[in-house]
N, C-alpha and C. Protein backbone atom coordinates (compact mmCIF):
# COMPACT_ATOMS: atom_id res chain seq x y z
N MET A 1 89.72 95.16 73.53
CA MET A 1 89.00 95.34 74.94
C MET A 1 89.07 96.65 75.54
N ALA A 2 88.16 97.61 75.82
CA ALA A 2 88.05 98.90 76.14
C ALA A 2 88.44 98.91 77.71
N VAL A 3 89.51 99.81 78.25
CA VAL A 3 89.80 99.98 79.48
C VAL A 3 88.82 101.05 79.95
N LYS A 4 88.58 100.96 81.27
CA LYS A 4 87.70 102.10 81.85
C LYS A 4 88.52 103.09 82.32
N GLN A 5 88.12 104.39 82.09
CA GLN A 5 89.02 105.44 82.27
C GLN A 5 88.47 105.78 83.98
N THR A 6 89.45 105.75 84.80
CA THR A 6 89.11 106.06 86.21
C THR A 6 90.13 107.03 86.80
N HIS A 7 90.68 107.92 86.02
CA HIS A 7 91.76 108.65 86.45
C HIS A 7 91.44 109.78 87.63
N ASN A 8 90.06 110.00 87.80
CA ASN A 8 89.94 110.77 89.04
C ASN A 8 89.68 110.10 90.25
N MET A 9 89.76 108.58 90.06
CA MET A 9 89.67 107.84 91.52
C MET A 9 91.21 108.16 92.03
N LYS A 10 91.07 107.85 93.26
CA LYS A 10 92.31 107.72 94.19
C LYS A 10 92.99 106.35 93.78
N PRO A 11 94.35 106.27 93.81
CA PRO A 11 94.94 104.79 93.59
C PRO A 11 94.70 103.77 94.59
N LEU A 12 94.68 102.67 94.05
CA LEU A 12 94.67 101.59 94.99
C LEU A 12 96.09 101.20 95.46
N VAL A 13 96.32 100.60 96.53
CA VAL A 13 97.63 100.24 96.88
C VAL A 13 97.65 98.93 96.84
N VAL A 14 98.70 98.20 96.43
CA VAL A 14 98.86 96.82 96.58
C VAL A 14 100.25 96.56 97.18
N LEU A 15 100.40 95.96 98.40
CA LEU A 15 101.32 95.59 99.18
C LEU A 15 101.86 94.14 98.93
N GLY A 16 103.03 93.95 98.34
CA GLY A 16 103.39 92.68 97.89
C GLY A 16 103.63 92.65 96.35
N ALA A 17 105.01 92.78 95.99
CA ALA A 17 105.22 92.72 94.48
C ALA A 17 105.94 91.20 94.00
N GLY A 18 105.28 90.27 94.71
CA GLY A 18 105.63 88.78 94.29
C GLY A 18 104.86 88.57 93.05
N SER A 19 104.84 87.27 92.63
CA SER A 19 104.08 86.91 91.54
C SER A 19 102.35 87.13 91.54
N TRP A 20 102.03 86.88 92.76
CA TRP A 20 100.66 87.20 93.03
C TRP A 20 100.28 88.55 93.21
N GLY A 21 100.94 89.31 93.95
CA GLY A 21 100.61 90.72 93.99
C GLY A 21 100.71 91.51 92.66
N THR A 22 101.94 91.14 92.04
CA THR A 22 102.05 91.73 90.71
C THR A 22 100.98 91.38 89.63
N ALA A 23 100.45 90.08 89.76
CA ALA A 23 99.46 89.70 88.77
C ALA A 23 98.08 90.38 89.05
N LEU A 24 97.68 90.53 90.42
CA LEU A 24 96.54 91.41 90.73
C LEU A 24 96.76 92.76 90.48
N SER A 25 97.72 93.41 90.67
CA SER A 25 97.95 94.75 90.39
C SER A 25 97.82 94.84 88.74
N LEU A 26 98.39 93.86 88.06
CA LEU A 26 98.22 94.10 86.55
C LEU A 26 96.82 94.01 85.92
N HIS A 27 95.94 93.04 86.88
CA HIS A 27 94.60 93.01 86.38
C HIS A 27 93.79 94.18 86.94
N LEU A 28 94.06 94.81 88.01
CA LEU A 28 93.47 96.09 88.50
C LEU A 28 93.91 97.22 87.46
N ALA A 29 95.18 97.33 87.05
CA ALA A 29 95.57 98.42 86.26
C ALA A 29 94.89 98.08 84.87
N ARG A 30 94.86 97.07 84.29
CA ARG A 30 94.05 96.76 83.03
C ARG A 30 92.68 97.14 83.10
N ASN A 31 92.07 96.97 84.24
CA ASN A 31 90.55 97.30 84.50
C ASN A 31 90.68 99.01 84.45
N GLY A 32 91.65 99.77 84.39
CA GLY A 32 91.64 101.19 84.37
C GLY A 32 91.87 101.86 85.70
N ASN A 33 92.26 100.94 86.83
CA ASN A 33 92.47 101.66 87.99
C ASN A 33 93.97 102.21 87.95
N GLN A 34 94.24 103.06 88.96
CA GLN A 34 95.56 103.53 89.07
C GLN A 34 95.84 102.85 90.14
N VAL A 35 97.24 102.02 90.23
CA VAL A 35 97.78 101.26 91.16
C VAL A 35 99.00 101.58 91.68
N LYS A 36 99.31 101.71 92.97
CA LYS A 36 100.54 101.88 93.54
C LYS A 36 100.98 100.30 94.12
N LEU A 37 102.00 99.70 93.58
CA LEU A 37 102.50 98.40 93.83
C LEU A 37 103.87 98.46 94.82
N TRP A 38 103.69 98.01 95.97
CA TRP A 38 104.88 98.04 96.92
C TRP A 38 105.55 96.82 97.10
N SER A 39 107.06 96.94 96.97
CA SER A 39 107.90 95.81 96.99
C SER A 39 108.63 95.98 98.31
N PHE A 40 108.83 94.99 98.96
CA PHE A 40 109.73 95.02 100.33
C PHE A 40 111.08 94.92 99.88
N ASP A 41 111.37 94.33 98.76
CA ASP A 41 112.82 94.09 98.22
C ASP A 41 113.13 95.31 97.37
N LYS A 42 114.06 95.93 97.76
CA LYS A 42 114.53 97.07 96.83
C LYS A 42 114.90 96.77 95.53
N ASN A 43 115.50 95.55 95.53
CA ASN A 43 116.09 95.22 93.86
C ASN A 43 115.03 94.99 93.25
N VAL A 44 113.77 94.31 93.70
CA VAL A 44 112.62 94.13 92.87
C VAL A 44 111.99 95.35 92.35
N TYR A 45 111.96 96.44 93.38
CA TYR A 45 111.51 97.68 93.14
C TYR A 45 112.23 98.37 91.96
N GLN A 46 113.71 98.33 92.04
CA GLN A 46 114.64 99.05 91.19
C GLN A 46 114.50 98.40 90.01
N GLN A 47 114.38 97.16 89.81
CA GLN A 47 114.06 96.23 88.60
C GLN A 47 112.63 96.79 87.84
N MET A 48 111.78 96.92 88.49
CA MET A 48 110.25 97.25 88.07
C MET A 48 110.59 98.91 87.48
N LYS A 49 111.03 99.44 88.24
CA LYS A 49 111.41 101.09 87.66
C LYS A 49 112.02 101.09 86.57
N ASP A 50 113.25 100.42 86.56
CA ASP A 50 114.05 100.49 85.40
C ASP A 50 113.59 99.69 84.27
N THR A 51 112.96 98.80 84.24
CA THR A 51 112.76 97.78 83.14
C THR A 51 111.30 97.94 82.71
N GLY A 52 110.38 98.33 83.70
CA GLY A 52 108.94 98.36 83.35
C GLY A 52 108.20 96.93 83.46
N GLU A 53 108.95 96.05 84.12
CA GLU A 53 108.24 94.63 84.36
C GLU A 53 108.85 94.09 85.68
N ASN A 54 108.27 93.18 86.14
CA ASN A 54 108.77 92.53 87.47
C ASN A 54 109.31 91.28 86.99
N GLN A 55 110.63 91.36 86.51
CA GLN A 55 111.26 90.17 85.98
C GLN A 55 111.65 89.16 86.77
N SER A 56 111.49 89.37 88.13
CA SER A 56 111.78 88.53 89.12
C SER A 56 110.79 87.51 89.14
N PHE A 57 109.62 88.12 89.33
CA PHE A 57 108.47 87.26 89.61
C PHE A 57 107.43 87.08 88.46
N LEU A 58 107.39 88.02 87.53
CA LEU A 58 106.03 87.87 86.38
C LEU A 58 106.92 88.61 85.15
N PRO A 59 108.14 87.80 84.65
CA PRO A 59 108.82 88.30 83.54
C PRO A 59 107.73 88.25 82.19
N GLY A 60 108.23 89.06 81.23
CA GLY A 60 107.46 89.26 80.13
C GLY A 60 106.00 90.11 80.31
N MET A 61 105.83 90.49 81.27
CA MET A 61 104.37 91.32 81.42
C MET A 61 104.67 92.52 81.83
N PRO A 62 104.66 93.42 80.78
CA PRO A 62 104.98 95.02 81.16
C PRO A 62 104.01 95.68 82.02
N LEU A 63 104.56 96.60 82.80
CA LEU A 63 103.56 97.41 83.62
C LEU A 63 103.02 98.59 83.03
N PRO A 64 101.92 98.75 83.11
CA PRO A 64 101.21 99.91 82.33
C PRO A 64 101.74 101.37 83.14
N SER A 65 101.65 102.33 82.34
CA SER A 65 102.05 103.46 83.04
C SER A 65 101.25 103.99 84.40
N HIS A 66 100.23 103.37 84.52
CA HIS A 66 99.27 103.80 85.74
C HIS A 66 99.42 102.80 86.88
N LEU A 67 100.47 101.94 86.81
CA LEU A 67 100.98 101.03 87.64
C LEU A 67 102.29 101.41 88.16
N VAL A 68 102.38 101.85 89.27
CA VAL A 68 103.76 102.61 89.77
C VAL A 68 104.34 101.78 90.85
N PRO A 69 105.54 101.21 90.76
CA PRO A 69 106.19 100.67 92.01
C PRO A 69 106.74 101.56 92.88
N TYR A 70 106.71 101.08 94.21
CA TYR A 70 107.12 101.80 95.30
C TYR A 70 108.09 100.81 96.25
N HIS A 71 109.10 101.33 96.88
CA HIS A 71 109.54 100.64 98.05
C HIS A 71 109.45 101.39 99.19
N ASP A 72 109.48 102.62 99.05
CA ASP A 72 109.35 103.56 100.34
C ASP A 72 107.94 103.75 100.87
N LEU A 73 107.71 103.13 102.09
CA LEU A 73 106.11 103.31 102.52
C LEU A 73 105.75 104.84 103.03
N GLU A 74 106.52 105.41 103.00
CA GLU A 74 106.19 107.00 103.42
C GLU A 74 105.83 107.67 102.05
N ALA A 75 106.56 107.32 100.97
CA ALA A 75 106.28 107.91 99.66
C ALA A 75 105.21 107.35 99.13
N LEU A 76 104.79 106.04 99.33
CA LEU A 76 103.82 105.23 98.88
C LEU A 76 102.30 105.80 99.44
N PHE A 77 102.31 106.25 100.77
CA PHE A 77 101.19 106.84 101.44
C PHE A 77 101.18 108.29 101.51
N GLN A 78 102.03 108.82 100.99
CA GLN A 78 101.89 110.49 100.88
C GLN A 78 100.82 111.05 100.24
N ASP A 79 100.32 110.35 99.25
CA ASP A 79 99.12 111.14 98.52
C ASP A 79 97.97 110.19 99.02
N PRO A 80 96.69 110.72 98.94
CA PRO A 80 95.62 109.78 99.37
C PRO A 80 95.36 108.52 98.40
N PHE A 81 94.75 107.45 99.01
CA PHE A 81 94.63 106.06 98.40
C PHE A 81 93.20 105.78 98.52
N GLU A 82 92.66 104.75 97.83
CA GLU A 82 91.53 104.29 97.89
C GLU A 82 91.31 103.20 99.00
N ASP A 83 91.82 102.14 98.58
CA ASP A 83 92.04 100.80 99.32
C ASP A 83 93.30 100.23 99.48
N ILE A 84 93.45 99.27 100.24
CA ILE A 84 94.76 98.48 100.42
C ILE A 84 94.45 96.86 100.03
N LEU A 85 95.36 96.37 99.21
CA LEU A 85 95.13 95.00 99.01
C LEU A 85 96.59 94.40 99.30
N ILE A 86 96.54 93.48 100.38
CA ILE A 86 97.77 92.92 100.77
C ILE A 86 97.95 91.46 100.20
N ALA A 87 99.02 91.51 99.62
CA ALA A 87 99.42 89.96 98.80
C ALA A 87 100.96 89.68 99.16
N VAL A 88 101.25 89.78 100.66
CA VAL A 88 102.55 89.28 100.89
C VAL A 88 102.34 87.96 101.79
N PRO A 89 103.52 87.04 101.54
CA PRO A 89 103.53 85.74 102.09
C PRO A 89 102.94 85.94 103.66
N SER A 90 102.42 84.75 104.14
CA SER A 90 101.66 84.81 105.55
C SER A 90 102.72 85.03 106.49
N PHE A 91 103.96 84.62 106.32
CA PHE A 91 104.99 84.93 107.39
C PHE A 91 105.27 86.44 107.63
N ALA A 92 104.96 87.20 106.61
CA ALA A 92 105.06 88.65 106.61
C ALA A 92 103.88 89.42 106.99
N PHE A 93 102.70 88.76 107.06
CA PHE A 93 101.35 89.66 106.95
C PHE A 93 101.54 90.57 108.47
N ALA A 94 101.82 89.91 109.49
CA ALA A 94 101.73 90.79 110.70
C ALA A 94 102.58 91.79 110.59
N SER A 95 103.87 91.83 110.21
CA SER A 95 104.92 92.78 109.93
C SER A 95 104.40 93.95 109.12
N THR A 96 103.66 93.49 108.00
CA THR A 96 103.17 94.27 107.08
C THR A 96 102.09 95.23 107.79
N LEU A 97 101.36 94.65 108.47
CA LEU A 97 100.27 95.45 109.29
C LEU A 97 101.01 96.54 110.09
N GLU A 98 102.01 96.05 110.80
CA GLU A 98 102.77 97.08 111.51
C GLU A 98 103.31 98.22 110.81
N LYS A 99 103.91 97.75 109.72
CA LYS A 99 104.55 99.00 108.93
C LYS A 99 103.54 99.65 108.35
N ILE A 100 102.51 99.42 108.15
CA ILE A 100 101.39 100.26 107.53
C ILE A 100 100.42 101.04 108.59
N ALA A 101 100.60 100.60 109.79
CA ALA A 101 99.81 101.43 110.92
C ALA A 101 99.82 102.89 110.91
N PRO A 102 101.19 103.39 110.73
CA PRO A 102 101.12 104.78 110.86
C PRO A 102 100.37 105.55 109.57
N TYR A 103 99.94 104.88 108.62
CA TYR A 103 99.44 105.40 107.21
C TYR A 103 97.95 105.23 107.00
N THR A 104 97.52 104.61 108.16
CA THR A 104 96.17 103.96 108.00
C THR A 104 95.36 104.27 109.26
N THR A 105 93.92 104.24 109.11
CA THR A 105 93.00 104.37 110.37
C THR A 105 92.16 103.07 110.39
N PRO A 106 91.39 103.05 111.29
CA PRO A 106 90.20 102.08 111.60
C PRO A 106 89.38 102.04 110.38
N GLU A 107 89.26 103.30 109.61
CA GLU A 107 88.39 103.18 108.52
C GLU A 107 88.94 102.89 107.21
N THR A 108 90.28 102.60 107.17
CA THR A 108 90.83 102.19 105.83
C THR A 108 90.33 100.81 105.61
N ARG A 109 90.06 100.65 104.13
CA ARG A 109 89.43 99.36 103.80
C ARG A 109 90.70 98.42 103.20
N ILE A 110 90.68 97.27 103.94
CA ILE A 110 91.74 96.34 103.56
C ILE A 110 91.18 95.11 103.06
N LEU A 111 91.86 94.61 102.03
CA LEU A 111 91.54 93.39 101.44
C LEU A 111 92.83 92.49 101.23
N TRP A 112 92.94 91.16 101.54
CA TRP A 112 94.16 90.57 101.61
C TRP A 112 93.80 89.29 100.64
N ALA A 113 94.94 88.92 100.05
CA ALA A 113 94.92 87.66 99.25
C ALA A 113 96.19 86.81 99.64
N THR A 114 96.23 86.90 100.92
CA THR A 114 97.36 86.04 101.53
C THR A 114 96.87 84.78 101.86
N LYS A 115 97.33 83.64 101.68
CA LYS A 115 96.76 82.18 102.28
C LYS A 115 97.47 81.83 103.46
N GLY A 116 96.74 81.05 104.12
CA GLY A 116 97.42 80.60 105.45
C GLY A 116 97.22 81.15 106.84
N VAL A 117 98.19 81.04 107.72
CA VAL A 117 98.01 81.77 109.03
C VAL A 117 99.46 82.19 109.31
N SER A 118 99.44 83.11 110.50
CA SER A 118 100.75 83.85 110.86
C SER A 118 101.73 82.93 111.22
N GLU A 119 102.80 83.49 111.46
CA GLU A 119 104.02 82.59 112.08
C GLU A 119 103.57 82.07 113.30
N GLU A 120 102.80 82.85 114.13
CA GLU A 120 102.36 82.50 115.53
C GLU A 120 101.16 81.46 115.42
N GLY A 121 100.57 81.18 114.21
CA GLY A 121 99.45 80.20 114.06
C GLY A 121 98.01 81.13 113.97
N ALA A 122 98.19 82.39 114.01
CA ALA A 122 96.95 83.23 114.12
C ALA A 122 96.53 83.19 112.83
N LEU A 123 94.94 83.12 112.75
CA LEU A 123 94.07 83.36 111.37
C LEU A 123 94.46 84.93 111.04
N LEU A 124 94.62 85.19 109.99
CA LEU A 124 95.06 86.42 109.53
C LEU A 124 93.78 87.65 109.74
N HIS A 125 92.57 87.24 109.84
CA HIS A 125 91.50 88.20 110.03
C HIS A 125 91.61 88.60 111.47
N THR A 126 92.11 87.75 112.34
CA THR A 126 92.33 87.96 113.66
C THR A 126 93.31 89.23 113.83
N LEU A 127 94.35 89.15 113.17
CA LEU A 127 95.48 90.13 113.02
C LEU A 127 94.89 91.63 112.73
N ILE A 128 93.82 91.43 111.62
CA ILE A 128 93.40 92.61 111.09
C ILE A 128 92.40 93.29 112.24
N GLN A 129 91.61 92.41 112.72
CA GLN A 129 90.70 92.79 113.85
C GLN A 129 91.55 93.43 115.12
N ALA A 130 92.46 92.88 115.40
CA ALA A 130 93.36 93.34 116.46
C ALA A 130 93.93 94.60 116.27
N LYS A 131 93.96 94.98 115.01
CA LYS A 131 94.57 96.42 114.74
C LYS A 131 93.36 97.37 114.75
N GLY A 132 92.14 97.04 114.73
CA GLY A 132 91.06 97.79 114.97
C GLY A 132 90.47 98.18 113.57
N TYR A 133 90.95 97.65 112.36
CA TYR A 133 90.08 97.73 111.17
C TYR A 133 88.78 97.48 111.17
N LYS A 134 88.09 98.38 110.69
CA LYS A 134 86.42 98.10 110.56
C LYS A 134 85.96 97.28 109.12
N HIS A 135 86.85 97.59 108.04
CA HIS A 135 86.51 97.30 106.77
C HIS A 135 87.40 96.56 106.21
N PHE A 136 87.23 95.07 106.02
CA PHE A 136 88.16 94.21 105.41
C PHE A 136 87.52 93.06 104.82
N GLY A 137 88.12 92.30 104.17
CA GLY A 137 87.99 91.07 103.46
C GLY A 137 88.87 90.49 102.91
N LEU A 138 88.58 89.16 102.42
CA LEU A 138 89.61 88.19 101.87
C LEU A 138 89.26 87.83 100.44
N LEU A 139 90.21 87.85 99.57
CA LEU A 139 90.20 87.37 98.34
C LEU A 139 90.90 86.08 98.16
N SER A 140 90.12 84.98 97.77
CA SER A 140 90.39 83.76 97.95
C SER A 140 89.91 83.12 96.56
N GLY A 141 90.52 81.72 96.35
CA GLY A 141 90.31 81.09 95.33
C GLY A 141 91.32 80.24 95.04
N PRO A 142 91.35 79.43 93.60
CA PRO A 142 92.34 78.53 93.28
C PRO A 142 93.82 79.27 93.57
N SER A 143 94.92 78.25 93.59
CA SER A 143 96.02 78.95 94.00
C SER A 143 96.70 79.54 92.57
N PHE A 144 97.63 80.38 92.70
CA PHE A 144 98.05 81.21 91.67
C PHE A 144 98.69 80.24 90.68
N ALA A 145 99.23 79.10 91.08
CA ALA A 145 100.12 77.96 90.12
C ALA A 145 99.01 77.61 88.98
């Protein structure tokens, strides 16, 4: 299978390096995208950096060189990026939006692959709208299991 070459594109940011976020990142990278994968957990980040795979959540799946792990949000957003895909657990969705607020604008395009509702019972799109984002969408489908 040939991989599209998109070296001139800005990288995609994936927030959440659990099994779902890592699997989506691998898919995006295998389709030729540059991907920045953020892990809240410093140990998971370090493991990905040291071993070249996410042994905690998706062992045996090597990360391509154009899929780069991050833990520090400031470093993650230091360079321009294309879009954001949020793949964190629903209980962390609102706090993740808070964390990225200094690095985004209402024009930032956000897609999320988080299922469920916030800890307060809010639908996730209402949290996105409350932050003023104009361009957003939901990736949904069968469960990752």
